[in-house]
Amino acid sequence: MRALVAYATRTQNTQKIGELIAEGIRSSGIEVDVVRVRDIEKGEDLERYDALAFGSATEGEDLMWGMGKMLKLAEEANLKGKVGGAFGAYGWSGEAPEKIYGIMKSNFGMDMVGSFFKLKPEEIEDNKEEARAYGREIAGKMTK
């Protein structure tokens, strides 16, 4: 089994959260690729994964442009029934992870974990284990 953690970040905070989520997935013995969304060139590149976690920082109450572009590519892929999770860093409002979660669930028909995961930059250090636990939740859904 293999998982993908793909993120859009400006200040590397969403990347840090994604790497912690990947640690949680790996701790369950599952291989994980962690990539920036700009490195995903076509939707079919996503189909080889059993689980996908997409993350974006919130900018202006929305997800980052790069994540939006990658989600458009993902529309071309068959992700129905694959395990999914959504995450991100935010400063004020934090809408991006919830929006990504909704798209993954409703538009792509993915088998989503219980909720999205978001942290403010100043919360990351004290919540590393919670981020890893989110990764383990993704892994647990993969192995059911």
N, C-alpha and C. Protein backbone atom coordinates (compact mmCIF):
# COMPACT_ATOMS: atom_id res chain seq x y z
N MET A 1 0.83 -1.18 0.00
CA MET A 1 0.00 0.00 0.00
C MET A 1 0.88 1.25 0.00
N ARG A 2 0.32 2.29 -0.57
CA ARG A 2 1.09 3.53 -0.72
C ARG A 2 0.15 4.73 -0.54
N ALA A 3 0.66 5.76 0.11
CA ALA A 3 -0.11 6.99 0.33
C ALA A 3 0.65 8.19 -0.23
N LEU A 4 -0.12 9.22 -0.53
CA LEU A 4 0.44 10.48 -1.00
C LEU A 4 0.00 11.58 -0.05
N VAL A 5 0.95 12.40 0.35
CA VAL A 5 0.66 13.64 1.08
C VAL A 5 1.13 14.77 0.17
N ALA A 6 0.18 15.55 -0.35
CA ALA A 6 0.49 16.64 -1.28
C ALA A 6 0.02 17.95 -0.66
N TYR A 7 0.86 18.98 -0.77
CA TYR A 7 0.56 20.23 -0.08
C TYR A 7 0.92 21.45 -0.92
N ALA A 8 0.22 22.54 -0.60
CA ALA A 8 0.55 23.87 -1.12
C ALA A 8 0.88 24.73 0.10
N THR A 9 2.02 25.40 0.05
CA THR A 9 2.45 26.19 1.21
C THR A 9 3.19 27.43 0.75
N ARG A 10 3.14 28.45 1.56
CA ARG A 10 3.90 29.67 1.28
C ARG A 10 4.98 29.85 2.34
N THR A 11 4.67 29.51 3.56
CA THR A 11 5.62 29.73 4.66
C THR A 11 6.12 28.42 5.28
N GLN A 12 5.88 27.31 4.63
CA GLN A 12 6.31 25.97 5.03
C GLN A 12 5.56 25.39 6.22
N ASN A 13 4.56 26.07 6.76
CA ASN A 13 3.82 25.52 7.89
C ASN A 13 2.93 24.35 7.47
N THR A 14 2.27 24.45 6.33
CA THR A 14 1.46 23.33 5.85
C THR A 14 2.37 22.15 5.49
N GLN A 15 3.55 22.42 4.97
CA GLN A 15 4.52 21.36 4.69
C GLN A 15 4.89 20.64 5.99
N LYS A 16 5.15 21.38 7.05
CA LYS A 16 5.49 20.76 8.34
C LYS A 16 4.38 19.85 8.83
N ILE A 17 3.13 20.32 8.72
CA ILE A 17 2.00 19.49 9.13
C ILE A 17 1.93 18.23 8.26
N GLY A 18 2.11 18.39 6.95
CA GLY A 18 2.08 17.25 6.04
C GLY A 18 3.15 16.21 6.35
N GLU A 19 4.34 16.68 6.70
CA GLU A 19 5.42 15.75 7.04
C GLU A 19 5.11 14.99 8.33
N LEU A 20 4.47 15.64 9.28
CA LEU A 20 4.06 14.95 10.51
C LEU A 20 2.97 13.93 10.23
N ILE A 21 2.02 14.28 9.38
CA ILE A 21 0.98 13.32 8.98
C ILE A 21 1.63 12.12 8.30
N ALA A 22 2.60 12.37 7.43
CA ALA A 22 3.31 11.28 6.74
C ALA A 22 4.02 10.38 7.75
N GLU A 23 4.61 10.97 8.79
CA GLU A 23 5.25 10.15 9.84
C GLU A 23 4.23 9.19 10.46
N GLY A 24 3.04 9.70 10.72
CA GLY A 24 1.99 8.86 11.29
C GLY A 24 1.59 7.71 10.37
N ILE A 25 1.49 8.01 9.09
CA ILE A 25 1.15 6.96 8.11
C ILE A 25 2.28 5.92 8.06
N ARG A 26 3.52 6.41 7.98
CA ARG A 26 4.68 5.50 7.92
C ARG A 26 4.78 4.61 9.14
N SER A 27 4.39 5.11 10.30
CA SER A 27 4.50 4.33 11.54
C SER A 27 3.61 3.09 11.49
N SER A 28 2.68 3.08 10.54
CA SER A 28 1.82 1.91 10.35
C SER A 28 2.35 0.99 9.25
N GLY A 29 3.57 1.25 8.79
CA GLY A 29 4.20 0.38 7.81
C GLY A 29 3.80 0.66 6.37
N ILE A 30 3.25 1.81 6.11
CA ILE A 30 2.79 2.16 4.76
C ILE A 30 3.77 3.16 4.14
N GLU A 31 4.10 2.94 2.88
CA GLU A 31 4.98 3.86 2.15
C GLU A 31 4.25 5.16 1.85
N VAL A 32 4.97 6.27 1.97
CA VAL A 32 4.36 7.58 1.76
C VAL A 32 5.27 8.44 0.89
N ASP A 33 4.68 9.11 -0.08
CA ASP A 33 5.37 10.14 -0.85
C ASP A 33 4.83 11.49 -0.37
N VAL A 34 5.72 12.43 -0.09
CA VAL A 34 5.34 13.78 0.33
C VAL A 34 5.83 14.73 -0.75
N VAL A 35 4.89 15.44 -1.39
CA VAL A 35 5.25 16.30 -2.52
C VAL A 35 4.48 17.62 -2.49
N ARG A 36 5.08 18.63 -3.10
CA ARG A 36 4.36 19.88 -3.33
C ARG A 36 3.36 19.65 -4.46
N VAL A 37 2.22 20.30 -4.39
CA VAL A 37 1.21 20.11 -5.44
C VAL A 37 1.74 20.50 -6.81
N ARG A 38 2.66 21.43 -6.88
CA ARG A 38 3.18 21.86 -8.18
C ARG A 38 3.97 20.75 -8.88
N ASP A 39 4.35 19.70 -8.13
CA ASP A 39 5.08 18.58 -8.72
C ASP A 39 4.15 17.51 -9.30
N ILE A 40 2.85 17.69 -9.16
CA ILE A 40 1.88 16.76 -9.72
C ILE A 40 1.47 17.30 -11.08
N GLU A 41 1.78 16.54 -12.12
CA GLU A 41 1.59 17.04 -13.48
C GLU A 41 0.30 16.61 -14.15
N LYS A 42 -0.25 15.46 -13.74
CA LYS A 42 -1.51 15.01 -14.35
C LYS A 42 -2.30 14.19 -13.34
N GLY A 43 -3.60 14.22 -13.52
CA GLY A 43 -4.49 13.53 -12.59
C GLY A 43 -4.20 12.06 -12.42
N GLU A 44 -3.84 11.41 -13.51
CA GLU A 44 -3.59 9.96 -13.42
C GLU A 44 -2.42 9.62 -12.51
N ASP A 45 -1.54 10.59 -12.23
CA ASP A 45 -0.44 10.35 -11.29
C ASP A 45 -0.97 10.03 -9.88
N LEU A 46 -2.18 10.45 -9.60
CA LEU A 46 -2.78 10.24 -8.28
C LEU A 46 -3.38 8.85 -8.12
N GLU A 47 -3.70 8.20 -9.23
CA GLU A 47 -4.42 6.93 -9.19
C GLU A 47 -3.61 5.78 -8.60
N ARG A 48 -2.30 5.88 -8.58
CA ARG A 48 -1.47 4.78 -8.08
C ARG A 48 -1.45 4.70 -6.55
N TYR A 49 -2.06 5.68 -5.89
CA TYR A 49 -2.06 5.71 -4.43
C TYR A 49 -3.36 5.14 -3.86
N ASP A 50 -3.23 4.48 -2.72
CA ASP A 50 -4.39 3.92 -2.02
C ASP A 50 -5.04 4.96 -1.11
N ALA A 51 -4.26 5.96 -0.71
CA ALA A 51 -4.76 7.05 0.13
C ALA A 51 -4.09 8.35 -0.28
N LEU A 52 -4.83 9.44 -0.14
CA LEU A 52 -4.30 10.75 -0.49
C LEU A 52 -4.71 11.75 0.59
N ALA A 53 -3.74 12.53 1.05
CA ALA A 53 -3.99 13.61 1.98
C ALA A 53 -3.54 14.89 1.30
N PHE A 54 -4.47 15.81 1.11
CA PHE A 54 -4.19 17.06 0.44
C PHE A 54 -4.22 18.20 1.45
N GLY A 55 -3.20 19.07 1.40
CA GLY A 55 -3.13 20.17 2.35
C GLY A 55 -2.85 21.50 1.70
N SER A 56 -3.46 22.53 2.26
CA SER A 56 -3.23 23.88 1.77
C SER A 56 -3.37 24.87 2.91
N ALA A 57 -2.53 25.86 2.87
CA ALA A 57 -2.71 26.99 3.77
C ALA A 57 -3.95 27.74 3.32
N THR A 58 -4.55 28.49 4.23
CA THR A 58 -5.70 29.33 3.90
C THR A 58 -5.19 30.73 3.57
N GLU A 59 -5.58 31.21 2.39
CA GLU A 59 -5.23 32.57 1.97
C GLU A 59 -6.52 33.27 1.57
N GLY A 60 -6.83 34.35 2.26
CA GLY A 60 -8.03 35.10 1.92
C GLY A 60 -9.29 34.26 1.99
N GLU A 61 -9.41 33.44 3.01
CA GLU A 61 -10.56 32.57 3.24
C GLU A 61 -10.73 31.49 2.17
N ASP A 62 -9.66 31.16 1.48
CA ASP A 62 -9.73 30.15 0.43
C ASP A 62 -8.44 29.34 0.41
N LEU A 63 -8.43 28.29 -0.41
CA LEU A 63 -7.22 27.49 -0.54
C LEU A 63 -6.26 28.18 -1.50
N MET A 64 -5.01 27.80 -1.43
CA MET A 64 -3.99 28.41 -2.28
C MET A 64 -4.22 28.03 -3.75
N TRP A 65 -3.79 28.91 -4.64
CA TRP A 65 -3.98 28.71 -6.07
C TRP A 65 -3.44 27.35 -6.54
N GLY A 66 -2.25 26.98 -6.08
CA GLY A 66 -1.64 25.71 -6.50
C GLY A 66 -2.48 24.50 -6.12
N MET A 67 -3.12 24.54 -4.96
CA MET A 67 -3.99 23.44 -4.56
C MET A 67 -5.23 23.41 -5.45
N GLY A 68 -5.77 24.56 -5.76
CA GLY A 68 -6.93 24.62 -6.66
C GLY A 68 -6.60 24.01 -8.01
N LYS A 69 -5.43 24.32 -8.53
CA LYS A 69 -5.00 23.77 -9.82
C LYS A 69 -4.85 22.25 -9.73
N MET A 70 -4.25 21.77 -8.65
CA MET A 70 -4.07 20.32 -8.49
C MET A 70 -5.42 19.62 -8.34
N LEU A 71 -6.38 20.23 -7.64
CA LEU A 71 -7.70 19.62 -7.50
C LEU A 71 -8.40 19.54 -8.86
N LYS A 72 -8.15 20.50 -9.74
CA LYS A 72 -8.68 20.43 -11.11
C LYS A 72 -8.09 19.22 -11.84
N LEU A 73 -6.78 19.00 -11.68
CA LEU A 73 -6.15 17.82 -12.28
C LEU A 73 -6.74 16.54 -11.70
N ALA A 74 -7.02 16.56 -10.40
CA ALA A 74 -7.55 15.37 -9.72
C ALA A 74 -8.93 14.99 -10.26
N GLU A 75 -9.65 15.95 -10.81
CA GLU A 75 -10.96 15.65 -11.40
C GLU A 75 -10.84 14.64 -12.53
N GLU A 76 -9.66 14.59 -13.19
CA GLU A 76 -9.43 13.66 -14.29
C GLU A 76 -9.15 12.25 -13.81
N ALA A 77 -8.81 12.10 -12.53
CA ALA A 77 -8.42 10.80 -11.99
C ALA A 77 -9.63 10.07 -11.41
N ASN A 78 -9.51 8.77 -11.31
CA ASN A 78 -10.53 7.97 -10.63
C ASN A 78 -10.10 7.77 -9.18
N LEU A 79 -10.62 8.61 -8.29
CA LEU A 79 -10.25 8.54 -6.88
C LEU A 79 -11.39 7.98 -6.03
N LYS A 80 -12.47 7.58 -6.65
CA LYS A 80 -13.64 7.07 -5.94
C LYS A 80 -13.25 5.89 -5.04
N GLY A 81 -13.63 5.99 -3.77
CA GLY A 81 -13.38 4.92 -2.81
C GLY A 81 -12.00 4.93 -2.19
N LYS A 82 -11.09 5.76 -2.69
CA LYS A 82 -9.76 5.83 -2.08
C LYS A 82 -9.86 6.58 -0.75
N VAL A 83 -8.98 6.26 0.17
CA VAL A 83 -8.97 6.90 1.48
C VAL A 83 -8.44 8.32 1.33
N GLY A 84 -9.05 9.27 2.04
CA GLY A 84 -8.63 10.65 1.92
C GLY A 84 -8.60 11.39 3.25
N GLY A 85 -7.77 12.43 3.27
CA GLY A 85 -7.69 13.34 4.40
C GLY A 85 -7.32 14.72 3.89
N ALA A 86 -7.63 15.76 4.66
CA ALA A 86 -7.33 17.13 4.27
C ALA A 86 -6.78 17.88 5.47
N PHE A 87 -5.81 18.76 5.20
CA PHE A 87 -5.14 19.46 6.30
C PHE A 87 -4.63 20.81 5.84
N GLY A 88 -4.17 21.61 6.80
CA GLY A 88 -3.57 22.88 6.43
C GLY A 88 -3.26 23.76 7.63
N ALA A 89 -2.44 24.76 7.35
CA ALA A 89 -2.11 25.78 8.34
C ALA A 89 -2.93 27.02 8.02
N TYR A 90 -3.19 27.82 9.05
CA TYR A 90 -3.97 29.03 8.84
C TYR A 90 -3.60 30.08 9.87
N GLY A 91 -3.87 31.33 9.54
CA GLY A 91 -3.59 32.41 10.46
C GLY A 91 -4.83 32.93 11.14
N TRP A 92 -5.94 33.07 10.38
CA TRP A 92 -7.16 33.65 10.94
C TRP A 92 -8.33 32.71 10.88
N SER A 93 -8.75 32.37 9.68
CA SER A 93 -10.04 31.69 9.56
C SER A 93 -9.95 30.20 9.26
N GLY A 94 -9.01 29.76 8.47
CA GLY A 94 -8.76 28.33 8.26
C GLY A 94 -9.74 27.57 7.41
N GLU A 95 -10.31 28.17 6.38
CA GLU A 95 -11.29 27.48 5.55
C GLU A 95 -10.73 26.43 4.60
N ALA A 96 -9.47 26.56 4.19
CA ALA A 96 -8.93 25.69 3.14
C ALA A 96 -9.08 24.19 3.43
N PRO A 97 -8.66 23.67 4.59
CA PRO A 97 -8.79 22.23 4.81
C PRO A 97 -10.23 21.73 4.72
N GLU A 98 -11.17 22.50 5.23
CA GLU A 98 -12.58 22.09 5.16
C GLU A 98 -13.07 22.06 3.71
N LYS A 99 -12.67 23.06 2.92
CA LYS A 99 -13.07 23.09 1.51
C LYS A 99 -12.48 21.89 0.76
N ILE A 100 -11.20 21.60 1.00
CA ILE A 100 -10.55 20.46 0.34
C ILE A 100 -11.26 19.17 0.73
N TYR A 101 -11.54 19.03 2.01
CA TYR A 101 -12.24 17.84 2.52
C TYR A 101 -13.57 17.64 1.79
N GLY A 102 -14.33 18.71 1.66
CA GLY A 102 -15.62 18.63 0.98
C GLY A 102 -15.50 18.23 -0.48
N ILE A 103 -14.52 18.77 -1.17
CA ILE A 103 -14.30 18.42 -2.57
C ILE A 103 -13.90 16.95 -2.69
N MET A 104 -13.01 16.51 -1.83
CA MET A 104 -12.56 15.12 -1.89
C MET A 104 -13.72 14.15 -1.63
N LYS A 105 -14.57 14.50 -0.69
CA LYS A 105 -15.69 13.63 -0.33
C LYS A 105 -16.80 13.69 -1.37
N SER A 106 -17.28 14.89 -1.67
CA SER A 106 -18.45 15.05 -2.54
C SER A 106 -18.14 14.92 -4.02
N ASN A 107 -17.10 15.60 -4.49
CA ASN A 107 -16.79 15.59 -5.92
C ASN A 107 -16.07 14.33 -6.36
N PHE A 108 -15.13 13.85 -5.54
CA PHE A 108 -14.31 12.70 -5.94
C PHE A 108 -14.83 11.38 -5.39
N GLY A 109 -15.76 11.41 -4.43
CA GLY A 109 -16.31 10.17 -3.87
C GLY A 109 -15.32 9.38 -3.04
N MET A 110 -14.42 10.08 -2.37
CA MET A 110 -13.38 9.40 -1.59
C MET A 110 -13.91 8.97 -0.22
N ASP A 111 -13.26 7.99 0.35
CA ASP A 111 -13.59 7.46 1.68
C ASP A 111 -12.78 8.26 2.71
N MET A 112 -13.37 9.33 3.18
CA MET A 112 -12.64 10.29 4.01
C MET A 112 -12.55 9.86 5.48
N VAL A 113 -11.44 10.24 6.12
CA VAL A 113 -11.33 10.06 7.56
C VAL A 113 -12.35 10.98 8.22
N GLY A 114 -12.48 10.89 9.54
CA GLY A 114 -13.54 11.58 10.27
C GLY A 114 -13.69 13.06 10.03
N SER A 115 -12.59 13.79 9.85
CA SER A 115 -12.65 15.22 9.67
C SER A 115 -11.36 15.73 9.03
N PHE A 116 -11.31 17.03 8.79
CA PHE A 116 -10.08 17.66 8.32
C PHE A 116 -9.22 18.01 9.53
N PHE A 117 -7.95 18.40 9.27
CA PHE A 117 -7.01 18.73 10.35
C PHE A 117 -6.37 20.07 10.04
N LYS A 118 -6.40 20.99 10.99
CA LYS A 118 -5.79 22.30 10.76
C LYS A 118 -5.14 22.80 12.04
N LEU A 119 -4.06 23.55 11.84
CA LEU A 119 -3.34 24.16 12.95
C LEU A 119 -2.86 25.55 12.57
N LYS A 120 -2.79 26.43 13.56
CA LYS A 120 -2.12 27.71 13.38
C LYS A 120 -0.62 27.45 13.49
N PRO A 121 0.21 28.26 12.85
CA PRO A 121 1.67 28.03 12.91
C PRO A 121 2.21 27.90 14.33
N GLU A 122 1.71 28.72 15.24
CA GLU A 122 2.21 28.67 16.61
C GLU A 122 1.74 27.42 17.37
N GLU A 123 0.80 26.66 16.80
CA GLU A 123 0.30 25.44 17.45
C GLU A 123 1.03 24.18 16.99
N ILE A 124 1.79 24.26 15.92
CA ILE A 124 2.40 23.06 15.34
C ILE A 124 3.31 22.36 16.33
N GLU A 125 4.20 23.08 16.96
CA GLU A 125 5.18 22.46 17.87
C GLU A 125 4.50 21.68 18.99
N ASP A 126 3.44 22.21 19.55
CA ASP A 126 2.76 21.55 20.67
C ASP A 126 1.76 20.49 20.23
N ASN A 127 1.53 20.36 18.93
CA ASN A 127 0.52 19.41 18.43
C ASN A 127 1.08 18.42 17.42
N LYS A 128 2.36 18.16 17.51
CA LYS A 128 2.98 17.20 16.58
C LYS A 128 2.33 15.83 16.68
N GLU A 129 2.05 15.39 17.90
CA GLU A 129 1.47 14.05 18.07
C GLU A 129 0.05 13.99 17.49
N GLU A 130 -0.70 15.08 17.57
CA GLU A 130 -2.04 15.10 16.98
C GLU A 130 -1.95 14.98 15.46
N ALA A 131 -0.96 15.63 14.85
CA ALA A 131 -0.77 15.51 13.40
C ALA A 131 -0.38 14.08 13.03
N ARG A 132 0.51 13.48 13.81
CA ARG A 132 0.88 12.08 13.56
C ARG A 132 -0.33 11.16 13.72
N ALA A 133 -1.16 11.45 14.72
CA ALA A 133 -2.37 10.65 14.95
C ALA A 133 -3.32 10.75 13.76
N TYR A 134 -3.39 11.92 13.13
CA TYR A 134 -4.22 12.07 11.93
C TYR A 134 -3.68 11.15 10.83
N GLY A 135 -2.36 11.08 10.71
CA GLY A 135 -1.75 10.15 9.76
C GLY A 135 -2.07 8.71 10.08
N ARG A 136 -2.05 8.36 11.34
CA ARG A 136 -2.39 6.98 11.74
C ARG A 136 -3.87 6.68 11.46
N GLU A 137 -4.72 7.71 11.58
CA GLU A 137 -6.14 7.52 11.24
C GLU A 137 -6.29 7.20 9.76
N ILE A 138 -5.54 7.90 8.92
CA ILE A 138 -5.55 7.61 7.48
C ILE A 138 -5.08 6.18 7.24
N ALA A 139 -3.96 5.81 7.86
CA ALA A 139 -3.41 4.46 7.70
C ALA A 139 -4.40 3.40 8.17
N GLY A 140 -5.06 3.67 9.29
CA GLY A 140 -6.03 2.71 9.82
C GLY A 140 -7.17 2.47 8.88
N LYS A 141 -7.63 3.51 8.20
CA LYS A 141 -8.70 3.36 7.23
C LYS A 141 -8.22 2.59 5.99
N MET A 142 -6.95 2.71 5.68
CA MET A 142 -6.38 1.98 4.54
C MET A 142 -6.34 0.49 4.78
N THR A 143 -6.12 0.10 6.02
CA THR A 143 -5.90 -1.32 6.33
C THR A 143 -7.18 -2.05 6.76
N LYS A 144 -8.32 -1.36 6.70
CA LYS A 144 -9.59 -2.00 7.08
C LYS A 144 -10.13 -2.82 5.94
